[in-house]
């Protein structure tokens, strides 16, 4: 138990200033000591989550198995990419099937809208739950601002 408490206290130093409750007091400085290993663990955790993505939806537009299934799936991907260059597409292998999934949708409703939009060309399009890539964020003076998808009137 003592070892656990001592590990929680040991680490690198950070300074935080607090505003005084009364105007006559000087700012209070708090020193937080944290091990360098904690920063490394937090960095690794963030990187791992970035690679895994987030829960969301994709539209599965093609599935193939058997001989040449990978080649056929890659051809379908190239055809889709030519028709919809702004929509990301992904080939996955779930034995014995190669699957072509498209889009990174955070809601089922968005995925269904897109599925209806492409249904004339891809009649077997199905909305599936998948790990998606998080939406890209623009930075403006170190502030994270989500990209707007709607075009407002000026």
Protein backbone atom coordinates (compact mmCIF):
# COMPACT_ATOMS: atom_id res chain seq x y z
CA UNK A 1 0.00 0.00 0.00
CA UNK A 2 2.83 2.36 0.87
CA UNK A 3 4.50 1.55 -2.44
CA UNK A 4 1.30 2.45 -4.32
CA UNK A 5 1.01 5.81 -2.57
CA UNK A 6 4.67 6.65 -3.14
CA UNK A 7 4.34 5.80 -6.86
CA UNK A 8 1.36 8.13 -7.17
CA UNK A 9 3.29 11.05 -5.66
CA UNK A 10 6.54 10.67 -7.66
CA UNK A 11 6.79 12.33 -11.11
CA UNK A 12 7.70 15.39 -13.20
CA UNK A 13 6.93 18.93 -12.06
CA UNK A 14 4.18 21.17 -13.37
CA UNK A 15 3.17 24.61 -12.11
CA UNK A 16 -0.38 25.83 -11.86
CA UNK A 17 -1.39 29.26 -10.65
CA UNK A 18 -4.68 29.84 -8.88
CA UNK A 19 -6.36 33.20 -8.51
CA UNK A 20 -6.47 34.36 -4.89
CA UNK A 21 -9.81 34.46 -3.11
CA UNK A 22 -9.04 37.90 -1.79
CA UNK A 23 -7.45 40.63 -3.86
CA UNK A 24 -4.60 41.14 -1.37
CA UNK A 25 -3.20 37.61 -1.68
CA UNK A 26 -0.59 36.59 -4.22
CA UNK A 27 -1.33 33.76 -6.68
CA UNK A 28 -0.91 30.30 -5.17
CA UNK A 29 1.46 27.93 -6.96
CA UNK A 30 0.83 24.19 -6.87
CA UNK A 31 3.62 21.79 -7.77
CA UNK A 32 2.57 18.46 -9.27
CA UNK A 33 5.21 15.80 -9.53
CA UNK A 34 4.68 13.11 -12.14
CA UNK A 35 6.89 10.32 -13.43
CA UNK A 36 8.07 10.60 -17.06
CA UNK A 37 6.66 7.12 -17.63
CA UNK A 38 3.13 8.49 -17.13
CA UNK A 39 3.61 10.89 -20.06
CA UNK A 40 4.90 8.01 -22.19
CA UNK A 41 1.88 5.87 -21.27
CA UNK A 42 -0.56 8.68 -22.10
CA UNK A 43 1.18 9.25 -25.44
CA UNK A 44 1.02 5.51 -26.25
CA UNK A 45 -2.65 5.38 -25.25
CA UNK A 46 -3.52 8.30 -27.54
CA UNK A 47 -1.62 6.75 -30.45
CA UNK A 48 -3.31 3.38 -29.93
CA UNK A 49 -6.76 5.01 -29.94
CA UNK A 50 -5.89 7.05 -33.02
CA UNK A 51 -5.00 3.85 -34.90
CA UNK A 52 -8.11 1.98 -33.78
CA UNK A 53 -10.51 4.76 -34.67
CA UNK A 54 -13.93 5.20 -33.15
CA UNK A 55 -17.24 3.39 -33.29
CA UNK A 56 -19.31 4.28 -36.33
CA UNK A 57 -20.84 3.00 -39.55
CA UNK A 58 -19.77 2.19 -43.09
CA UNK A 59 -21.64 1.06 -46.17
CA UNK A 60 -20.60 -2.36 -47.46
CA UNK A 61 -20.95 -2.36 -51.23
CA UNK A 62 -19.16 -5.53 -52.33
CA UNK A 63 -18.26 -8.98 -51.01
CA UNK A 64 -16.33 -11.72 -52.80
CA UNK A 65 -14.81 -15.09 -51.96
CA UNK A 66 -12.89 -17.71 -53.89
CA UNK A 67 -10.24 -17.46 -56.57
CA UNK A 68 -9.42 -13.94 -57.72
CA UNK A 69 -11.71 -12.43 -55.08
CA UNK A 70 -9.02 -9.99 -53.97
CA UNK A 71 -8.44 -8.82 -57.54
CA UNK A 72 -12.19 -8.39 -58.14
CA UNK A 73 -12.58 -6.43 -54.90
CA UNK A 74 -9.67 -4.14 -55.81
CA UNK A 75 -11.29 -3.48 -59.19
CA UNK A 76 -14.58 -2.56 -57.49
CA UNK A 77 -12.64 -0.25 -55.16
CA UNK A 78 -10.96 1.50 -58.10
CA UNK A 79 -14.34 1.93 -59.79
CA UNK A 80 -15.91 3.34 -56.63
CA UNK A 81 -12.95 5.68 -56.00
CA UNK A 82 -13.31 7.06 -59.54
CA UNK A 83 -17.05 7.70 -59.03
CA UNK A 84 -16.82 9.05 -55.46
CA UNK A 85 -13.32 10.50 -54.91
CA UNK A 86 -14.30 12.31 -51.68
CA UNK A 87 -15.58 9.15 -49.95
CA UNK A 88 -12.90 6.90 -48.41
CA UNK A 89 -13.05 3.19 -49.26
CA UNK A 90 -11.55 0.23 -47.40
CA UNK A 91 -10.92 -3.41 -48.29
CA UNK A 92 -11.06 -5.85 -45.39
CA UNK A 93 -10.49 -9.59 -45.28
CA UNK A 94 -12.73 -11.67 -43.06
CA UNK A 95 -11.98 -15.26 -44.03
CA UNK A 96 -13.08 -16.35 -46.61
CA UNK A 97 -14.50 -12.98 -47.80
CA UNK A 98 -12.96 -9.80 -49.14
CA UNK A 99 -15.27 -6.90 -48.33
CA UNK A 100 -15.38 -3.39 -49.72
CA UNK A 101 -16.70 -0.86 -47.25
CA UNK A 102 -17.01 2.86 -47.86
CA UNK A 103 -17.40 6.02 -45.82
CA UNK A 104 -16.74 7.04 -42.23
CA UNK A 105 -20.18 7.82 -40.82
CA UNK A 106 -20.72 8.65 -37.16
CA UNK A 107 -24.46 7.94 -37.27
CA UNK A 108 -26.51 5.19 -38.86
CA UNK A 109 -28.76 7.84 -40.41
CA UNK A 110 -25.84 9.39 -42.36
CA UNK A 111 -24.78 5.94 -43.57
CA UNK A 112 -28.33 5.11 -44.66
CA UNK A 113 -28.61 8.39 -46.58
CA UNK A 114 -25.41 7.60 -48.48
CA UNK A 115 -26.56 4.01 -49.06
CA UNK A 116 -29.76 5.30 -50.67
CA UNK A 117 -27.73 7.75 -52.76
CA UNK A 118 -25.63 4.93 -54.30
CA UNK A 119 -28.35 2.23 -54.34
CA UNK A 120 -28.98 2.51 -58.09
CA UNK A 121 -25.39 1.47 -58.84
CA UNK A 122 -24.72 -0.76 -55.80
CA UNK A 123 -27.98 -2.62 -55.22
CA UNK A 124 -26.57 -4.80 -52.40
CA UNK A 125 -25.26 -1.85 -50.36
CA UNK A 126 -25.72 -2.51 -46.65
CA UNK A 127 -25.02 -0.33 -43.61
CA UNK A 128 -22.63 -2.07 -41.18
CA UNK A 129 -21.16 -1.20 -37.80
CA UNK A 130 -17.39 -0.68 -38.02
CA UNK A 131 -14.45 1.20 -36.55
CA UNK A 132 -14.15 4.47 -38.46
CA UNK A 133 -11.49 7.11 -38.75
CA UNK A 134 -12.31 10.16 -36.62
CA UNK A 135 -13.28 13.30 -38.54
CA UNK A 136 -10.38 15.58 -39.43
CA UNK A 137 -10.05 18.73 -37.35
CA UNK A 138 -8.61 22.00 -38.57
CA UNK A 139 -6.35 23.90 -36.23
CA UNK A 140 -6.56 27.65 -35.85
CA UNK A 141 -4.13 29.18 -33.35
CA UNK A 142 -3.83 25.86 -31.52
CA UNK A 143 -7.61 25.56 -31.12
CA UNK A 144 -9.32 22.49 -32.56
CA UNK A 145 -12.24 23.41 -34.79
CA UNK A 146 -14.36 20.66 -36.42
CA UNK A 147 -14.76 21.00 -40.16
CA UNK A 148 -18.21 22.17 -41.21
CA UNK A 149 -19.97 20.01 -43.73
CA UNK A 150 -22.85 22.39 -44.39
CA UNK A 151 -22.39 25.56 -46.43
CA UNK A 152 -24.02 28.49 -44.66
CA UNK A 153 -25.39 31.47 -46.58
CA UNK A 154 -23.36 34.63 -46.31
